Full PDB file with SEQRES, HELIX, SHEET, SSBOND, CRYST1, ORIGX, SCALE, CONECT and MASTER records, all heavy atoms in Angstrom:
SEQRES   1 A   39  GLU LEU GLU ALA LEU ARG LEU LYS ASN VAL LYS ASN LEU          
SEQRES   2 A   39  ASP GLN ILE GLU CYS ALA LYS LEU MET GLU THR SER GLN          
SEQRES   3 A   39  SER THR PHE GLN ARG ILE LEU SER SER ALA TYR ASN LYS          
HELIX    1 AA1 LEU A    2  LEU A    5  1                                   4    
HELIX    2 AA2 ARG A    6  VAL A   10  3                                   5    
HELIX    3 AA3 GLN A   15  LEU A   21  1                                   7    
HELIX    4 AA4 GLN A   26  ASN A   38  1                                  13    
CRYST1    1.000    1.000    1.000  90.00  90.00  90.00 P 1           1          
ORIGX1      1.000000  0.000000  0.000000        0.00000                         
ORIGX2      0.000000  1.000000  0.000000        0.00000                         
ORIGX3      0.000000  0.000000  1.000000        0.00000                         
SCALE1      1.000000  0.000000  0.000000        0.00000                         
SCALE2      0.000000  1.000000  0.000000        0.00000                         
SCALE3      0.000000  0.000000  1.000000        0.00000                         
ATOM      1  N   GLU A   1     144.653 101.000  74.618  1.00  0.00           N  
ATOM      2  CA  GLU A   1     144.207 101.579  73.348  1.00  0.00           C  
ATOM      3  C   GLU A   1     142.800 102.161  73.485  1.00  0.00           C  
ATOM      4  O   GLU A   1     142.518 103.253  72.970  1.00  0.00           O  
ATOM      5  CB  GLU A   1     144.244 100.527  72.244  1.00  0.00           C  
ATOM      6  CG  GLU A   1     145.644 100.116  71.852  1.00  0.00           C  
ATOM      7  CD  GLU A   1     145.712  98.866  71.018  1.00  0.00           C  
ATOM      8  OE1 GLU A   1     144.818  97.989  71.149  1.00  0.00           O  
ATOM      9  OE2 GLU A   1     146.671  98.756  70.229  1.00  0.00           O  
ATOM     10  N   LEU A   2     141.934 101.468  74.177  1.00  0.00           N  
ATOM     11  CA  LEU A   2     140.576 101.956  74.402  1.00  0.00           C  
ATOM     12  C   LEU A   2     140.594 103.259  75.198  1.00  0.00           C  
ATOM     13  O   LEU A   2     139.873 104.208  74.876  1.00  0.00           O  
ATOM     14  CB  LEU A   2     139.745 100.895  75.132  1.00  0.00           C  
ATOM     15  CG  LEU A   2     138.286 101.236  75.383  1.00  0.00           C  
ATOM     16  CD1 LEU A   2     137.533 101.424  74.073  1.00  0.00           C  
ATOM     17  CD2 LEU A   2     137.633 100.153  76.225  1.00  0.00           C  
ATOM     18  N   GLU A   3     141.438 103.331  76.212  1.00  0.00           N  
ATOM     19  CA  GLU A   3     141.539 104.551  77.015  1.00  0.00           C  
ATOM     20  C   GLU A   3     142.081 105.711  76.180  1.00  0.00           C  
ATOM     21  O   GLU A   3     141.601 106.845  76.303  1.00  0.00           O  
ATOM     22  CB  GLU A   3     142.439 104.315  78.231  1.00  0.00           C  
ATOM     23  CG  GLU A   3     142.637 105.522  79.119  1.00  0.00           C  
ATOM     24  CD  GLU A   3     141.374 106.029  79.815  1.00  0.00           C  
ATOM     25  OE1 GLU A   3     140.280 105.443  79.654  1.00  0.00           O  
ATOM     26  OE2 GLU A   3     141.483 107.034  80.535  1.00  0.00           O  
ATOM     27  N   ALA A   4     143.038 105.438  75.316  1.00  0.00           N  
ATOM     28  CA  ALA A   4     143.561 106.482  74.432  1.00  0.00           C  
ATOM     29  C   ALA A   4     142.456 107.022  73.526  1.00  0.00           C  
ATOM     30  O   ALA A   4     142.317 108.242  73.352  1.00  0.00           O  
ATOM     31  CB  ALA A   4     144.725 105.946  73.610  1.00  0.00           C  
ATOM     32  N   LEU A   5     141.661 106.140  72.961  1.00  0.00           N  
ATOM     33  CA  LEU A   5     140.536 106.556  72.125  1.00  0.00           C  
ATOM     34  C   LEU A   5     139.521 107.372  72.918  1.00  0.00           C  
ATOM     35  O   LEU A   5     139.008 108.383  72.436  1.00  0.00           O  
ATOM     36  CB  LEU A   5     139.857 105.328  71.507  1.00  0.00           C  
ATOM     37  CG  LEU A   5     140.630 104.595  70.426  1.00  0.00           C  
ATOM     38  CD1 LEU A   5     139.986 103.248  70.144  1.00  0.00           C  
ATOM     39  CD2 LEU A   5     140.724 105.435  69.167  1.00  0.00           C  
ATOM     40  N   ARG A   6     139.236 106.930  74.124  1.00  0.00           N  
ATOM     41  CA  ARG A   6     138.263 107.640  74.970  1.00  0.00           C  
ATOM     42  C   ARG A   6     138.728 109.058  75.285  1.00  0.00           C  
ATOM     43  O   ARG A   6     137.965 110.021  75.127  1.00  0.00           O  
ATOM     44  CB  ARG A   6     138.035 106.870  76.276  1.00  0.00           C  
ATOM     45  CG  ARG A   6     136.957 107.478  77.179  1.00  0.00           C  
ATOM     46  CD  ARG A   6     136.856 106.727  78.500  1.00  0.00           C  
ATOM     47  NE  ARG A   6     137.957 107.054  79.389  1.00  0.00           N  
ATOM     48  CZ  ARG A   6     138.022 108.163  80.147  1.00  0.00           C  
ATOM     49  NH1 ARG A   6     137.042 109.040  80.115  1.00  0.00           N  
ATOM     50  NH2 ARG A   6     139.055 108.379  80.928  1.00  0.00           N  
ATOM     51  N   LEU A   7     139.975 109.167  75.703  1.00  0.00           N  
ATOM     52  CA  LEU A   7     140.487 110.488  76.064  1.00  0.00           C  
ATOM     53  C   LEU A   7     140.540 111.422  74.861  1.00  0.00           C  
ATOM     54  O   LEU A   7     140.148 112.593  74.954  1.00  0.00           O  
ATOM     55  CB  LEU A   7     141.875 110.360  76.688  1.00  0.00           C  
ATOM     56  CG  LEU A   7     141.938 109.676  78.049  1.00  0.00           C  
ATOM     57  CD1 LEU A   7     143.384 109.466  78.475  1.00  0.00           C  
ATOM     58  CD2 LEU A   7     141.169 110.465  79.099  1.00  0.00           C  
ATOM     59  N   LYS A   8     141.011 110.928  73.734  1.00  0.00           N  
ATOM     60  CA  LYS A   8     141.176 111.765  72.546  1.00  0.00           C  
ATOM     61  C   LYS A   8     139.861 112.082  71.864  1.00  0.00           C  
ATOM     62  O   LYS A   8     139.605 113.228  71.496  1.00  0.00           O  
ATOM     63  CB  LYS A   8     142.125 111.067  71.559  1.00  0.00           C  
ATOM     64  CG  LYS A   8     142.404 111.857  70.320  1.00  0.00           C  
ATOM     65  CD  LYS A   8     143.229 113.083  70.633  1.00  0.00           C  
ATOM     66  CE  LYS A   8     143.546 113.830  69.339  1.00  0.00           C  
ATOM     67  NZ  LYS A   8     143.520 115.261  69.544  1.00  0.00           N  
ATOM     68  N   ASN A   9     138.999 111.088  71.693  1.00  0.00           N  
ATOM     69  CA  ASN A   9     137.801 111.266  70.869  1.00  0.00           C  
ATOM     70  C   ASN A   9     136.521 111.537  71.643  1.00  0.00           C  
ATOM     71  O   ASN A   9     135.629 112.194  71.125  1.00  0.00           O  
ATOM     72  CB  ASN A   9     137.606 110.049  69.961  1.00  0.00           C  
ATOM     73  CG  ASN A   9     138.771 109.868  69.024  1.00  0.00           C  
ATOM     74  OD1 ASN A   9     139.133 110.771  68.304  1.00  0.00           O  
ATOM     75  ND2 ASN A   9     139.388 108.705  69.055  1.00  0.00           N  
ATOM     76  N   VAL A  10     136.407 111.018  72.851  1.00  0.00           N  
ATOM     77  CA  VAL A  10     135.193 111.240  73.640  1.00  0.00           C  
ATOM     78  C   VAL A  10     135.362 112.472  74.531  1.00  0.00           C  
ATOM     79  O   VAL A  10     134.494 113.338  74.580  1.00  0.00           O  
ATOM     80  CB  VAL A  10     134.845 109.985  74.481  1.00  0.00           C  
ATOM     81  CG1 VAL A  10     133.645 110.240  75.361  1.00  0.00           C  
ATOM     82  CG2 VAL A  10     134.600 108.790  73.564  1.00  0.00           C  
ATOM     83  N   LYS A  11     136.505 112.553  75.196  1.00  0.00           N  
ATOM     84  CA  LYS A  11     136.779 113.705  76.064  1.00  0.00           C  
ATOM     85  C   LYS A  11     137.307 114.911  75.278  1.00  0.00           C  
ATOM     86  O   LYS A  11     137.387 116.009  75.820  1.00  0.00           O  
ATOM     87  CB  LYS A  11     137.796 113.334  77.142  1.00  0.00           C  
ATOM     88  CG  LYS A  11     137.309 112.309  78.140  1.00  0.00           C  
ATOM     89  CD  LYS A  11     136.351 112.952  79.088  1.00  0.00           C  
ATOM     90  CE  LYS A  11     136.205 112.104  80.345  1.00  0.00           C  
ATOM     91  NZ  LYS A  11     135.461 112.839  81.360  1.00  0.00           N  
ATOM     92  N   ASN A  12     137.716 114.679  74.026  1.00  0.00           N  
ATOM     93  CA  ASN A  12     138.232 115.739  73.154  1.00  0.00           C  
ATOM     94  C   ASN A  12     139.434 116.469  73.741  1.00  0.00           C  
ATOM     95  O   ASN A  12     139.562 117.685  73.619  1.00  0.00           O  
ATOM     96  CB  ASN A  12     137.130 116.741  72.789  1.00  0.00           C  
ATOM     97  CG  ASN A  12     136.055 116.116  71.949  1.00  0.00           C  
ATOM     98  OD1 ASN A  12     136.348 115.391  71.007  1.00  0.00           O  
ATOM     99  ND2 ASN A  12     134.811 116.351  72.305  1.00  0.00           N  
ATOM    100  N   LEU A  13     140.333 115.718  74.369  1.00  0.00           N  
ATOM    101  CA  LEU A  13     141.538 116.310  74.941  1.00  0.00           C  
ATOM    102  C   LEU A  13     142.648 116.317  73.892  1.00  0.00           C  
ATOM    103  O   LEU A  13     142.650 115.495  72.973  1.00  0.00           O  
ATOM    104  CB  LEU A  13     141.988 115.498  76.159  1.00  0.00           C  
ATOM    105  CG  LEU A  13     140.980 115.386  77.300  1.00  0.00           C  
ATOM    106  CD1 LEU A  13     141.513 114.467  78.384  1.00  0.00           C  
ATOM    107  CD2 LEU A  13     140.647 116.755  77.863  1.00  0.00           C  
ATOM    108  N   ASP A  14     143.606 117.241  74.048  1.00  0.00           N  
ATOM    109  CA  ASP A  14     144.747 117.208  73.135  1.00  0.00           C  
ATOM    110  C   ASP A  14     145.707 116.108  73.577  1.00  0.00           C  
ATOM    111  O   ASP A  14     145.609 115.572  74.676  1.00  0.00           O  
ATOM    112  CB  ASP A  14     145.437 118.567  73.031  1.00  0.00           C  
ATOM    113  CG  ASP A  14     146.060 119.049  74.329  1.00  0.00           C  
ATOM    114  OD1 ASP A  14     146.587 118.220  75.101  1.00  0.00           O  
ATOM    115  OD2 ASP A  14     146.052 120.267  74.565  1.00  0.00           O  
ATOM    116  N   GLN A  15     146.632 115.767  72.698  1.00  0.00           N  
ATOM    117  CA  GLN A  15     147.516 114.632  72.958  1.00  0.00           C  
ATOM    118  C   GLN A  15     148.408 114.846  74.168  1.00  0.00           C  
ATOM    119  O   GLN A  15     148.724 113.885  74.871  1.00  0.00           O  
ATOM    120  CB  GLN A  15     148.346 114.318  71.723  1.00  0.00           C  
ATOM    121  CG  GLN A  15     147.530 113.673  70.636  1.00  0.00           C  
ATOM    122  CD  GLN A  15     148.399 113.126  69.521  1.00  0.00           C  
ATOM    123  OE1 GLN A  15     149.605 113.015  69.654  1.00  0.00           O  
ATOM    124  NE2 GLN A  15     147.775 112.775  68.423  1.00  0.00           N  
ATOM    125  N   ILE A  16     148.800 116.063  74.425  1.00  0.00           N  
ATOM    126  CA  ILE A  16     149.651 116.333  75.589  1.00  0.00           C  
ATOM    127  C   ILE A  16     148.894 116.002  76.870  1.00  0.00           C  
ATOM    128  O   ILE A  16     149.426 115.332  77.762  1.00  0.00           O  
ATOM    129  CB  ILE A  16     150.133 117.799  75.583  1.00  0.00           C  
ATOM    130  CG1 ILE A  16     151.046 118.038  74.377  1.00  0.00           C  
ATOM    131  CG2 ILE A  16     150.833 118.148  76.887  1.00  0.00           C  
ATOM    132  CD1 ILE A  16     151.387 119.493  74.125  1.00  0.00           C  
ATOM    133  N   GLU A  17     147.652 116.450  76.958  1.00  0.00           N  
ATOM    134  CA  GLU A  17     146.840 116.172  78.149  1.00  0.00           C  
ATOM    135  C   GLU A  17     146.536 114.676  78.263  1.00  0.00           C  
ATOM    136  O   GLU A  17     146.580 114.105  79.350  1.00  0.00           O  
ATOM    137  CB  GLU A  17     145.533 116.975  78.105  1.00  0.00           C  
ATOM    138  CG  GLU A  17     144.719 116.872  79.370  1.00  0.00           C  
ATOM    139  CD  GLU A  17     145.410 117.445  80.594  1.00  0.00           C  
ATOM    140  OE1 GLU A  17     146.274 118.321  80.454  1.00  0.00           O  
ATOM    141  OE2 GLU A  17     145.083 116.999  81.714  1.00  0.00           O  
ATOM    142  N   CYS A  18     146.239 114.036  77.146  1.00  0.00           N  
ATOM    143  CA  CYS A  18     145.981 112.591  77.151  1.00  0.00           C  
ATOM    144  C   CYS A  18     147.195 111.834  77.674  1.00  0.00           C  
ATOM    145  O   CYS A  18     147.063 110.930  78.497  1.00  0.00           O  
ATOM    146  CB  CYS A  18     145.649 112.106  75.738  1.00  0.00           C  
ATOM    147  SG  CYS A  18     144.102 112.710  75.064  1.00  0.00           S  
ATOM    148  N   ALA A  19     148.363 112.199  77.182  1.00  0.00           N  
ATOM    149  CA  ALA A  19     149.598 111.532  77.604  1.00  0.00           C  
ATOM    150  C   ALA A  19     149.823 111.707  79.107  1.00  0.00           C  
ATOM    151  O   ALA A  19     150.193 110.754  79.802  1.00  0.00           O  
ATOM    152  CB  ALA A  19     150.784 112.074  76.825  1.00  0.00           C  
ATOM    153  N   LYS A  20     149.562 112.905  79.613  1.00  0.00           N  
ATOM    154  CA  LYS A  20     149.714 113.149  81.054  1.00  0.00           C  
ATOM    155  C   LYS A  20     148.764 112.263  81.859  1.00  0.00           C  
ATOM    156  O   LYS A  20     149.160 111.663  82.859  1.00  0.00           O  
ATOM    157  CB  LYS A  20     149.446 114.614  81.381  1.00  0.00           C  
ATOM    158  CG  LYS A  20     150.545 115.548  80.969  1.00  0.00           C  
ATOM    159  CD  LYS A  20     150.192 116.983  81.317  1.00  0.00           C  
ATOM    160  CE  LYS A  20     151.225 117.937  80.763  1.00  0.00           C  
ATOM    161  NZ  LYS A  20     150.841 119.343  80.995  1.00  0.00           N  
ATOM    162  N   LEU A  21     147.513 112.197  81.421  1.00  0.00           N  
ATOM    163  CA  LEU A  21     146.526 111.391  82.142  1.00  0.00           C  
ATOM    164  C   LEU A  21     146.852 109.903  82.102  1.00  0.00           C  
ATOM    165  O   LEU A  21     146.550 109.170  83.038  1.00  0.00           O  
ATOM    166  CB  LEU A  21     145.124 111.638  81.584  1.00  0.00           C  
ATOM    167  CG  LEU A  21     144.540 113.019  81.886  1.00  0.00           C  
ATOM    168  CD1 LEU A  21     143.259 113.238  81.100  1.00  0.00           C  
ATOM    169  CD2 LEU A  21     144.304 113.201  83.376  1.00  0.00           C  
ATOM    170  N   MET A  22     147.485 109.462  81.024  1.00  0.00           N  
ATOM    171  CA  MET A  22     147.862 108.053  80.903  1.00  0.00           C  
ATOM    172  C   MET A  22     149.264 107.799  81.459  1.00  0.00           C  
ATOM    173  O   MET A  22     149.745 106.670  81.430  1.00  0.00           O  
ATOM    174  CB  MET A  22     147.774 107.597  79.441  1.00  0.00           C  
ATOM    175  CG  MET A  22     146.336 107.495  78.959  1.00  0.00           C  
ATOM    176  SD  MET A  22     146.186 106.827  77.290  1.00  0.00           S  
ATOM    177  CE  MET A  22     146.802 105.164  77.519  1.00  0.00           C  
ATOM    178  N   GLU A  23     149.887 108.864  81.956  1.00  0.00           N  
ATOM    179  CA  GLU A  23     151.226 108.775  82.553  1.00  0.00           C  
ATOM    180  C   GLU A  23     152.232 108.157  81.589  1.00  0.00           C  
ATOM    181  O   GLU A  23     152.948 107.209  81.917  1.00  0.00           O  
ATOM    182  CB  GLU A  23     151.181 108.022  83.872  1.00  0.00           C  
ATOM    183  CG  GLU A  23     150.304 108.697  84.905  1.00  0.00           C  
ATOM    184  CD  GLU A  23     150.210 107.944  86.214  1.00  0.00           C  
ATOM    185  OE1 GLU A  23     150.671 106.788  86.299  1.00  0.00           O  
ATOM    186  OE2 GLU A  23     149.663 108.518  87.172  1.00  0.00           O  
ATOM    187  N   THR A  24     152.260 108.722  80.382  1.00  0.00           N  
ATOM    188  CA  THR A  24     153.181 108.269  79.346  1.00  0.00           C  
ATOM    189  C   THR A  24     153.682 109.481  78.569  1.00  0.00           C  
ATOM    190  O   THR A  24     153.176 110.584  78.737  1.00  0.00           O  
ATOM    191  CB  THR A  24     152.487 107.249  78.411  1.00  0.00           C  
ATOM    192  OG1 THR A  24     153.447 106.654  77.579  1.00  0.00           O  
ATOM    193  CG2 THR A  24     151.389 107.859  77.594  1.00  0.00           C  
ATOM    194  N   SER A  25     154.654 109.263  77.725  1.00  0.00           N  
ATOM    195  CA  SER A  25     155.141 110.360  76.892  1.00  0.00           C  
ATOM    196  C   SER A  25     154.153 110.610  75.751  1.00  0.00           C  
ATOM    197  O   SER A  25     153.341 109.741  75.412  1.00  0.00           O  
ATOM    198  CB  SER A  25     156.521 110.023  76.325  1.00  0.00           C  
ATOM    199  OG  SER A  25     156.415 108.974  75.379  1.00  0.00           O  
ATOM    200  N   GLN A  26     154.263 111.790  75.156  1.00  0.00           N  
ATOM    201  CA  GLN A  26     153.375 112.110  74.051  1.00  0.00           C  
ATOM    202  C   GLN A  26     153.627 111.190  72.860  1.00  0.00           C  
ATOM    203  O   GLN A  26     152.685 110.769  72.183  1.00  0.00           O  
ATOM    204  CB  GLN A  26     153.548 113.569  73.631  1.00  0.00           C  
ATOM    205  CG  GLN A  26     152.553 114.009  72.578  1.00  0.00           C  
ATOM    206  CD  GLN A  26     152.705 115.465  72.195  1.00  0.00           C  
ATOM    207  OE1 GLN A  26     153.483 116.195  72.785  1.00  0.00           O  
ATOM    208  NE2 GLN A  26     151.965 115.888  71.199  1.00  0.00           N  
ATOM    209  N   SER A  27     154.881 110.846  72.616  1.00  0.00           N  
ATOM    210  CA  SER A  27     155.175 109.954  71.484  1.00  0.00           C  
ATOM    211  C   SER A  27     154.622 108.549  71.720  1.00  0.00           C  
ATOM    212  O   SER A  27     154.113 107.907  70.790  1.00  0.00           O  
ATOM    213  CB  SER A  27     156.679 109.904  71.204  1.00  0.00           C  
ATOM    214  OG  SER A  27     157.384 109.424  72.315  1.00  0.00           O  
ATOM    215  N   THR A  28     154.689 108.070  72.954  1.00  0.00           N  
ATOM    216  CA  THR A  28     154.114 106.759  73.274  1.00  0.00           C  
ATOM    217  C   THR A  28     152.596 106.805  73.143  1.00  0.00           C  
ATOM    218  O   THR A  28     151.979 105.888  72.590  1.00  0.00           O  
ATOM    219  CB  THR A  28     154.522 106.305  74.685  1.00  0.00           C  
ATOM    220  OG1 THR A  28     155.936 106.181  74.725  1.00  0.00           O  
ATOM    221  CG2 THR A  28     153.874 104.981  75.060  1.00  0.00           C  
ATOM    222  N   PHE A  29     151.993 107.892  73.613  1.00  0.00           N  
ATOM    223  CA  PHE A  29     150.547 108.038  73.465  1.00  0.00           C  
ATOM    224  C   PHE A  29     150.169 107.996  71.988  1.00  0.00           C  
ATOM    225  O   PHE A  29     149.206 107.326  71.601  1.00  0.00           O  
ATOM    226  CB  PHE A  29     150.039 109.333  74.102  1.00  0.00           C  
ATOM    227  CG  PHE A  29     148.574 109.542  73.862  1.00  0.00           C  
ATOM    228  CD1 PHE A  29     147.636 108.875  74.635  1.00  0.00           C  
ATOM    229  CD2 PHE A  29     148.130 110.350  72.827  1.00  0.00           C  
ATOM    230  CE1 PHE A  29     146.278 109.018  74.386  1.00  0.00           C  
ATOM    231  CE2 PHE A  29     146.780 110.503  72.575  1.00  0.00           C  
ATOM    232  CZ  PHE A  29     145.852 109.840  73.352  1.00  0.00           C  
ATOM    233  N   GLN A  30     150.928 108.690  71.147  1.00  0.00           N  
ATOM    234  CA  GLN A  30     150.651 108.707  69.709  1.00  0.00           C  
ATOM    235  C   GLN A  30     150.728 107.303  69.119  1.00  0.00           C  
ATOM    236  O   GLN A  30     149.903 106.921  68.291  1.00  0.00           O  
ATOM    237  CB  GLN A  30     151.614 109.644  68.979  1.00  0.00           C  
ATOM    238  CG  GLN A  30     151.443 109.654  67.475  1.00  0.00           C  
ATOM    239  CD  GLN A  30     150.061 110.073  67.025  1.00  0.00           C  
ATOM    240  OE1 GLN A  30     149.491 111.003  67.573  1.00  0.00           O  
ATOM    241  NE2 GLN A  30     149.513 109.380  66.036  1.00  0.00           N  
ATOM    242  N   ARG A  31     151.718 106.522  69.550  1.00  0.00           N  
ATOM    243  CA  ARG A  31     151.840 105.140  69.045  1.00  0.00           C  
ATOM    244  C   ARG A  31     150.644 104.299  69.483  1.00  0.00           C  
ATOM    245  O   ARG A  31     150.115 103.501  68.697  1.00  0.00           O  
ATOM    246  CB  ARG A  31     153.141 104.514  69.528  1.00  0.00           C  
ATOM    247  CG  ARG A  31     154.357 104.976  68.742  1.00  0.00           C  
ATOM    248  CD  ARG A  31     155.587 104.143  69.051  1.00  0.00           C  
ATOM    249  NE  ARG A  31     156.086 104.297  70.415  1.00  0.00           N  
ATOM    250  CZ  ARG A  31     156.888 105.279  70.822  1.00  0.00           C  
ATOM    251  NH1 ARG A  31     157.271 106.212  69.985  1.00  0.00           N  
ATOM    252  NH2 ARG A  31     157.291 105.336  72.072  1.00  0.00           N  
ATOM    253  N   ILE A  32     150.213 104.448  70.727  1.00  0.00           N  
ATOM    254  CA  ILE A  32     149.045 103.712  71.231  1.00  0.00           C  
ATOM    255  C   ILE A  32     147.805 104.094  70.437  1.00  0.00           C  
ATOM    256  O   ILE A  32     147.025 103.237  69.995  1.00  0.00           O  
ATOM    257  CB  ILE A  32     148.832 103.979  72.735  1.00  0.00           C  
ATOM    258  CG1 ILE A  32     149.996 103.431  73.555  1.00  0.00           C  
ATOM    259  CG2 ILE A  32     147.506 103.391  73.217  1.00  0.00           C  
ATOM    260  CD1 ILE A  32     150.045 103.951  74.986  1.00  0.00           C  
ATOM    261  N   LEU A  33     147.605 105.384  70.233  1.00  0.00           N  
ATOM    262  CA  LEU A  33     146.437 105.876  69.506  1.00  0.00           C  
ATOM    263  C   LEU A  33     146.462 105.409  68.045  1.00  0.00           C  
ATOM    264  O   LEU A  33     145.436 104.965  67.521  1.00  0.00           O  
ATOM    265  CB  LEU A  33     146.394 107.407  69.582  1.00  0.00           C  
ATOM    266  CG  LEU A  33     145.148 108.089  69.051  1.00  0.00           C  
ATOM    267  CD1 LEU A  33     143.903 107.652  69.839  1.00  0.00           C  
ATOM    268  CD2 LEU A  33     145.316 109.597  69.116  1.00  0.00           C  
ATOM    269  N   SER A  34     147.613 105.472  67.418  1.00  0.00           N  
ATOM    270  CA  SER A  34     147.735 105.019  66.028  1.00  0.00           C  
ATOM    271  C   SER A  34     147.413 103.533  65.901  1.00  0.00           C  
ATOM    272  O   SER A  34     146.745 103.110  64.952  1.00  0.00           O  
ATOM    273  CB  SER A  34     149.142 105.279  65.496  1.00  0.00           C  
ATOM    274  OG  SER A  34     149.365 106.657  65.364  1.00  0.00           O  
ATOM    275  N   SER A  35     147.879 102.751  66.856  1.00  0.00           N  
ATOM    276  CA  SER A  35     147.590 101.320  66.857  1.00  0.00           C  
ATOM    277  C   SER A  35     146.085 101.083  66.985  1.00  0.00           C  
ATOM    278  O   SER A  35     145.505 100.254  66.275  1.00  0.00           O  
ATOM    279  CB  SER A  35     148.337 100.634  68.003  1.00  0.00           C  
ATOM    280  OG  SER A  35     147.981  99.275  68.084  1.00  0.00           O  
ATOM    281  N   ALA A  36     145.436 101.832  67.863  1.00  0.00           N  
ATOM    282  CA  ALA A  36     143.992 101.689  68.058  1.00  0.00           C  
ATOM    283  C   ALA A  36     143.230 102.071  66.791  1.00  0.00           C  
ATOM    284  O   ALA A  36     142.316 101.359  66.367  1.00  0.00           O  
ATOM    285  CB  ALA A  36     143.532 102.551  69.229  1.00  0.00           C  
ATOM    286  N   TYR A  37     143.609 103.189  66.170  1.00  0.00           N  
ATOM    287  CA  TYR A  37     142.960 103.615  64.930  1.00  0.00           C  
ATOM    288  C   TYR A  37     143.124 102.562  63.840  1.00  0.00           C  
ATOM    289  O   TYR A  37     142.189 102.255  63.104  1.00  0.00           O  
ATOM    290  CB  TYR A  37     143.532 104.940  64.432  1.00  0.00           C  
ATOM    291  CG  TYR A  37     143.075 106.171  65.177  1.00  0.00           C  
ATOM    292  CD1 TYR A  37     143.919 107.271  65.298  1.00  0.00           C  
ATOM    293  CD2 TYR A  37     141.806 106.258  65.738  1.00  0.00           C  
ATOM    294  CE1 TYR A  37     143.523 108.411  65.954  1.00  0.00           C  
ATOM    295  CE2 TYR A  37     141.399 107.396  66.411  1.00  0.00           C  
ATOM    296  CZ  TYR A  37     142.254 108.477  66.515  1.00  0.00           C  
ATOM    297  OH  TYR A  37     141.856 109.606  67.173  1.00  0.00           O  
ATOM    298  N   ASN A  38     144.319 102.020  63.736  1.00  0.00           N  
ATOM    299  CA  ASN A  38     144.591 101.000  62.732  1.00  0.00           C  
ATOM    300  C   ASN A  38     143.709  99.775  62.942  1.00  0.00           C  
ATOM    301  O   ASN A  38     143.102  99.251  61.995  1.00  0.00           O  
ATOM    302  CB  ASN A  38     146.070 100.620  62.763  1.00  0.00           C  
ATOM    303  CG  ASN A  38     146.430  99.624  61.700  1.00  0.00           C  
ATOM    304  OD1 ASN A  38     146.232  98.423  61.885  1.00  0.00           O  
ATOM    305  ND2 ASN A  38     146.954 100.108  60.588  1.00  0.00           N  
ATOM    306  N   LYS A  39     143.642  99.307  64.174  1.00  0.00           N  
ATOM    307  CA  LYS A  39     142.839  98.117  64.478  1.00  0.00           C  
ATOM    308  C   LYS A  39     141.357  98.349  64.207  1.00  0.00           C  
ATOM    309  O   LYS A  39     140.673  97.496  63.621  1.00  0.00           O  
ATOM    310  CB  LYS A  39     143.042  97.701  65.932  1.00  0.00           C  
ATOM    311  CG  LYS A  39     144.409  97.115  66.198  1.00  0.00           C  
ATOM    312  CD  LYS A  39     144.578  96.789  67.665  1.00  0.00           C  
ATOM    313  CE  LYS A  39     145.936  96.194  67.964  1.00  0.00           C  
ATOM    314  NZ  LYS A  39     146.065  95.846  69.393  1.00  0.00           N  
TER     315      LYS A  39                                                      
MASTER        0    0    0    4    0    0    0    6  314    1    0    3          
END                                                                             
């Protein structure tokens, strides 16, 4: 979750690029990011 936040908010990458860097699907990345935002 921390890595998802870093890639999206600190590196300012789009979700497709974030998902590639985390080696996951875009929908899984979105779920991880949503969980982090919620927490």
